[in-house]
C-alpha atoms as a PDB file:
ATOM      1  CA  MET A   1      -5.617-170.819 137.405  1.00  0.00           C
ATOM      2  CA  GLN A   2      -5.355-174.416 135.096  1.00  0.00           C
ATOM      3  CA  ARG A   3      -5.371-172.534 131.939  1.00  0.00           C
ATOM      4  CA  VAL A   4      -2.777-170.555 133.441  1.00  0.00           C
ATOM      5  CA  LEU A   5      -0.782-173.669 134.728  1.00  0.00           C
ATOM      6  CA  LEU A   6      -1.181-175.437 131.564  1.00  0.00           C
ATOM      7  CA  LEU A   7       0.181-172.559 129.235  1.00  0.00           C
ATOM      8  CA  SER A   8       2.770-172.118 131.756  1.00  0.00           C
ATOM      9  CA  ALA A   9       3.668-175.677 131.323  1.00  0.00           C
ATOM     10  CA  GLY A  10       3.217-175.678 127.573  1.00  0.00           C
ATOM     11  CA  TRP A  11       5.548-172.568 127.257  1.00  0.00           C
ATOM     12  CA  PHE A  12       7.998-173.936 129.459  1.00  0.00           C
ATOM     13  CA  LEU A  13       8.657-176.893 127.676  1.00  0.00           C
ATOM     14  CA  MET A  14       8.834-175.468 124.457  1.00  0.00           C
ATOM     15  CA  ALA A  15      12.041-173.489 126.033  1.00  0.00           C
ATOM     16  CA  LEU A  16      13.075-176.819 127.276  1.00  0.00           C
ATOM     17  CA  ALA A  17      12.770-177.550 123.851  1.00  0.00           C
ATOM     18  CA  LEU A  18      15.339-174.866 122.355  1.00  0.00           C
ATOM     19  CA  LEU A  19      17.857-175.340 124.928  1.00  0.00           C
ATOM     20  CA  GLY A  20      17.889-179.299 123.708  1.00  0.00           C
ATOM     21  CA  TRP A  21      18.474-177.894 120.454  1.00  0.00           C
ATOM     22  CA  ILE A  22      21.675-175.947 121.370  1.00  0.00           C
ATOM     23  CA  LEU A  23      22.849-178.241 124.344  1.00  0.00           C
ATOM     24  CA  PRO A  24      23.663-181.778 123.151  1.00  0.00           C
ATOM     25  CA  ILE A  25      22.747-183.315 126.555  1.00  0.00           C
ATOM     26  CA  MET A  26      18.835-182.602 126.008  1.00  0.00           C
ATOM     27  CA  PRO A  27      16.467-184.250 123.398  1.00  0.00           C
ATOM     28  CA  GLY A  28      14.888-181.200 122.208  1.00  0.00           C
ATOM     29  CA  TYR A  29      12.586-183.252 119.713  1.00  0.00           C
ATOM     30  CA  LEU A  30      10.886-184.686 122.937  1.00  0.00           C
ATOM     31  CA  PHE A  31      10.208-181.289 124.408  1.00  0.00           C
ATOM     32  CA  PHE A  32       8.990-179.679 121.617  1.00  0.00           C
ATOM     33  CA  ALA A  33       6.532-182.864 120.909  1.00  0.00           C
ATOM     34  CA  LEU A  34       5.652-182.888 124.779  1.00  0.00           C
ATOM     35  CA  GLY A  35       5.280-178.650 124.842  1.00  0.00           C
ATOM     36  CA  LEU A  36       3.081-178.792 121.602  1.00  0.00           C
ATOM     37  CA  LEU A  37       0.801-181.524 123.109  1.00  0.00           C
ATOM     38  CA  VAL A  38       0.370-179.287 126.038  1.00  0.00           C
ATOM     39  CA  LEU A  39      -0.602-176.427 123.676  1.00  0.00           C
ATOM     40  CA  SER A  40      -2.516-177.590 121.516  1.00  0.00           C
ATOM     41  CA  SER A  41      -5.349-177.341 123.741  1.00  0.00           C
ATOM     42  CA  GLU A  42      -5.145-173.812 123.789  1.00  0.00           C
ATOM     43  CA  TYR A  43      -3.645-172.997 120.044  1.00  0.00           C
ATOM     44  CA  VAL A  44      -5.090-174.157 116.556  1.00  0.00           C
ATOM     45  CA  TRP A  45      -1.604-173.609 115.336  1.00  0.00           C
ATOM     46  CA  ALA A  46       0.010-176.443 117.227  1.00  0.00           C
ATOM     47  CA  HIS A  47      -2.803-178.272 116.780  1.00  0.00           C
ATOM     48  CA  LYS A  48      -2.673-178.387 113.168  1.00  0.00           C
ATOM     49  CA  ILE A  49       1.641-179.194 114.145  1.00  0.00           C
ATOM     50  CA  ILE A  50       0.332-181.942 116.344  1.00  0.00           C
ATOM     51  CA  GLN A  51      -1.888-183.983 113.344  1.00  0.00           C
ATOM     52  CA  LYS A  52       0.666-183.271 110.561  1.00  0.00           C
ATOM     53  CA  ILE A  53       3.170-185.046 113.265  1.00  0.00           C
ATOM     54  CA  ARG A  54       0.308-187.820 113.747  1.00  0.00           C
ATOM     55  CA  THR A  55      -0.324-188.593 110.199  1.00  0.00           C
ATOM     56  CA  ARG A  56       3.620-188.239 109.621  1.00  0.00           C
ATOM     57  CA  PHE A  57       4.550-190.699 112.341  1.00  0.00           C
ATOM     58  CA  PRO A  58       1.708-193.215 113.413  1.00  0.00           C
ATOM     59  CA  LYS A  59       4.117-194.966 115.945  1.00  0.00           C
ATOM     60  CA  MET A  60       4.832-192.099 117.781  1.00  0.00           C
ATOM     61  CA  SER A  61       1.269-190.896 117.977  1.00  0.00           C
ATOM     62  CA  GLY A  62       0.896-193.612 120.290  1.00  0.00           C
ATOM     63  CA  LYS A  63       3.267-192.563 122.301  1.00  0.00           C
ATOM     64  CA  MET A  64       2.214-189.173 122.651  1.00  0.00           C
ATOM     65  CA  ASP A  65      -0.856-190.240 123.490  1.00  0.00           C
ATOM     66  CA  GLY A  66       0.164-192.111 126.674  1.00  0.00           C
ATOM     67  CA  VAL A  67       2.417-189.383 127.728  1.00  0.00           C
ATOM     68  CA  ALA A  68      -0.393-186.798 127.097  1.00  0.00           C
ATOM     69  CA  HIS A  69      -2.550-188.911 129.417  1.00  0.00           C
ATOM     70  CA  ASN A  70       0.260-189.044 132.110  1.00  0.00           C
ATOM     71  CA  MET A  71       0.700-185.518 131.737  1.00  0.00           C
ATOM     72  CA  THR A  72      -3.142-184.913 132.409  1.00  0.00           C
ATOM     73  CA  LEU A  73      -3.309-187.140 135.219  1.00  0.00           C
ATOM     74  CA  ARG A  74      -0.589-185.191 137.045  1.00  0.00           C
ATOM     75  CA  LEU A  75      -1.977-181.988 136.348  1.00  0.00           C
ATOM     76  CA  ASN A  76      -4.936-183.134 137.793  1.00  0.00           C
ATOM     77  CA  ARG A  77      -3.451-184.181 140.588  1.00  0.00           C
ATOM     78  CA  LEU A  78      -1.869-180.769 141.328  1.00  0.00           C
ATOM     79  CA  MET A  79      -5.068-178.997 141.053  1.00  0.00           C
ATOM     80  CA  ALA A  80      -6.954-180.955 143.549  1.00  0.00           C
END
């Protein structure tokens, strides 16, 4: 159940990223990064993209880790 919820959340964030690139009112890159973070636990291709982002943008890496930690805490609360 938790895996399905995690994958659903990741793909939902990727869909929001797509909308964000089409609509000017949403930051698509933010949803893309969050979606990749969620999907990187299940997909190797997403993990590789995250690693490339971390090496290219080290300052963003720390922010991504903080957001990933908060998302993990919230998902754990939902599942409890």
